[in-house]
Amino acid sequence: METLENIYVYMGKNISFVVALKILHTVSLLAQKENRAFDEVYAEFLESDTYRAIQETGSLMWYENAEFIVDEYYREKSHV
């Protein structure tokens, strides 16, 4: 993994746009499911291991669909 201040690279390709879209889609789904404001959910999501996994390009979490990531986030929250 190479990360340079908000630049995510996987196998030599810049995937920053993909990572940003995945986070946006995931948080949008969470906000919709919980009937809460996007900003509120986003602030909580930033503190999660799931969010950190998306940023860790080698984990390939960024490659999963947003519904899978939402499920992972809820599994994480259930173990706290």
C-alpha atoms as a PDB file:
ATOM      1  CA  MET A   1       0.000   0.000   0.000  1.00  0.00           C
ATOM      2  CA  GLU A   2       1.159   3.479  -0.830  1.00  0.00           C
ATOM      3  CA  THR A   3      -0.782   6.321   0.700  1.00  0.00           C
ATOM      4  CA  LEU A   4       0.207   9.915   0.158  1.00  0.00           C
ATOM      5  CA  GLU A   5      -2.163  12.324   1.881  1.00  0.00           C
ATOM      6  CA  ASN A   6      -5.541  11.148   0.561  1.00  0.00           C
ATOM      7  CA  ILE A   7      -4.110   9.333  -2.447  1.00  0.00           C
ATOM      8  CA  TYR A   8      -4.813   5.615  -2.452  1.00  0.00           C
ATOM      9  CA  VAL A   9      -2.816   3.373  -4.762  1.00  0.00           C
ATOM     10  CA  TYR A  10      -3.387  -0.304  -5.482  1.00  0.00           C
ATOM     11  CA  MET A  11      -1.145  -2.265  -7.839  1.00  0.00           C
ATOM     12  CA  GLY A  12       0.266   0.985  -9.196  1.00  0.00           C
ATOM     13  CA  LYS A  13      -3.123   2.525  -9.951  1.00  0.00           C
ATOM     14  CA  ASN A  14      -4.642   5.522  -8.234  1.00  0.00           C
ATOM     15  CA  ILE A  15      -7.922   4.308  -6.714  1.00  0.00           C
ATOM     16  CA  SER A  16      -8.636   7.448  -4.671  1.00  0.00           C
ATOM     17  CA  PHE A  17     -11.862   8.166  -6.544  1.00  0.00           C
ATOM     18  CA  VAL A  18     -13.099   4.611  -5.992  1.00  0.00           C
ATOM     19  CA  VAL A  19     -12.290   4.776  -2.270  1.00  0.00           C
ATOM     20  CA  ALA A  20     -14.043   8.134  -1.875  1.00  0.00           C
ATOM     21  CA  LEU A  21     -17.138   6.915  -3.741  1.00  0.00           C
ATOM     22  CA  LYS A  22     -17.251   3.725  -1.680  1.00  0.00           C
ATOM     23  CA  ILE A  23     -17.168   5.719   1.555  1.00  0.00           C
ATOM     24  CA  LEU A  24     -19.851   8.080   0.254  1.00  0.00           C
ATOM     25  CA  HIS A  25     -22.122   5.231  -0.835  1.00  0.00           C
ATOM     26  CA  THR A  26     -21.597   3.320   2.424  1.00  0.00           C
ATOM     27  CA  VAL A  27     -22.381   6.308   4.630  1.00  0.00           C
ATOM     28  CA  SER A  28     -25.397   7.190   2.483  1.00  0.00           C
ATOM     29  CA  LEU A  29     -26.763   3.679   2.987  1.00  0.00           C
ATOM     30  CA  LEU A  30     -26.132   3.851   6.725  1.00  0.00           C
ATOM     31  CA  ALA A  31     -27.873   7.239   6.993  1.00  0.00           C
ATOM     32  CA  GLN A  32     -30.835   5.933   5.030  1.00  0.00           C
ATOM     33  CA  LYS A  33     -31.112   2.706   7.066  1.00  0.00           C
ATOM     34  CA  GLU A  34     -30.878   4.583  10.356  1.00  0.00           C
ATOM     35  CA  ASN A  35     -32.986   7.539   9.221  1.00  0.00           C
ATOM     36  CA  ARG A  36     -30.274   9.920  10.427  1.00  0.00           C
ATOM     37  CA  ALA A  37     -28.395  12.849   8.945  1.00  0.00           C
ATOM     38  CA  PHE A  38     -25.485  12.004   6.646  1.00  0.00           C
ATOM     39  CA  ASP A  39     -23.064  14.227   8.592  1.00  0.00           C
ATOM     40  CA  GLU A  40     -23.922  12.584  11.897  1.00  0.00           C
ATOM     41  CA  VAL A  41     -23.450   9.069  10.513  1.00  0.00           C
ATOM     42  CA  TYR A  42     -20.276  10.096   8.687  1.00  0.00           C
ATOM     43  CA  ALA A  43     -18.713  11.415  11.900  1.00  0.00           C
ATOM     44  CA  GLU A  44     -19.381   8.075  13.627  1.00  0.00           C
ATOM     45  CA  PHE A  45     -18.204   6.039  10.649  1.00  0.00           C
ATOM     46  CA  LEU A  46     -14.847   7.871  10.639  1.00  0.00           C
ATOM     47  CA  GLU A  47     -14.123   6.367  14.059  1.00  0.00           C
ATOM     48  CA  SER A  48     -14.689   2.768  12.943  1.00  0.00           C
ATOM     49  CA  ASP A  49     -12.304  -0.041  12.081  1.00  0.00           C
ATOM     50  CA  THR A  50     -14.432  -0.585   8.990  1.00  0.00           C
ATOM     51  CA  TYR A  51     -13.554   2.896   7.741  1.00  0.00           C
ATOM     52  CA  ARG A  52      -9.875   2.262   8.407  1.00  0.00           C
ATOM     53  CA  ALA A  53     -10.108  -1.047   6.504  1.00  0.00           C
ATOM     54  CA  ILE A  54     -11.479   0.759   3.441  1.00  0.00           C
ATOM     55  CA  GLN A  55      -8.465   3.053   3.518  1.00  0.00           C
ATOM     56  CA  GLU A  56      -6.054   0.117   3.841  1.00  0.00           C
ATOM     57  CA  THR A  57      -5.925  -0.699   0.141  1.00  0.00           C
ATOM     58  CA  GLY A  58      -4.351  -4.104   0.734  1.00  0.00           C
ATOM     59  CA  SER A  59      -7.414  -5.230   2.686  1.00  0.00           C
ATOM     60  CA  LEU A  60      -9.506  -4.942  -0.495  1.00  0.00           C
ATOM     61  CA  MET A  61     -12.445  -3.678   1.569  1.00  0.00           C
ATOM     62  CA  TRP A  62     -12.681  -0.776  -0.901  1.00  0.00           C
ATOM     63  CA  TYR A  63     -13.415  -3.391  -3.582  1.00  0.00           C
ATOM     64  CA  GLU A  64     -16.468  -4.811  -1.777  1.00  0.00           C
ATOM     65  CA  ASN A  65     -19.944  -3.468  -2.446  1.00  0.00           C
ATOM     66  CA  ALA A  66     -21.349  -0.869  -0.054  1.00  0.00           C
ATOM     67  CA  GLU A  67     -23.994  -3.277   1.289  1.00  0.00           C
ATOM     68  CA  PHE A  68     -21.249  -5.683   2.385  1.00  0.00           C
ATOM     69  CA  ILE A  69     -19.363  -2.839   4.066  1.00  0.00           C
ATOM     70  CA  VAL A  70     -22.535  -1.743   5.896  1.00  0.00           C
ATOM     71  CA  ASP A  71     -22.921  -5.311   7.199  1.00  0.00           C
ATOM     72  CA  GLU A  72     -19.293  -5.318   8.341  1.00  0.00           C
ATOM     73  CA  TYR A  73     -19.820  -2.003  10.107  1.00  0.00           C
ATOM     74  CA  TYR A  74     -22.865  -3.350  11.959  1.00  0.00           C
ATOM     75  CA  ARG A  75     -20.924  -6.506  12.922  1.00  0.00           C
ATOM     76  CA  GLU A  76     -18.162  -4.295  14.278  1.00  0.00           C
ATOM     77  CA  LYS A  77     -20.620  -2.197  16.278  1.00  0.00           C
ATOM     78  CA  SER A  78     -22.261  -5.297  17.718  1.00  0.00           C
ATOM     79  CA  HIS A  79     -18.937  -6.403  19.236  1.00  0.00           C
ATOM     80  CA  VAL A  80     -18.265  -3.143  21.061  1.00  0.00           C
END
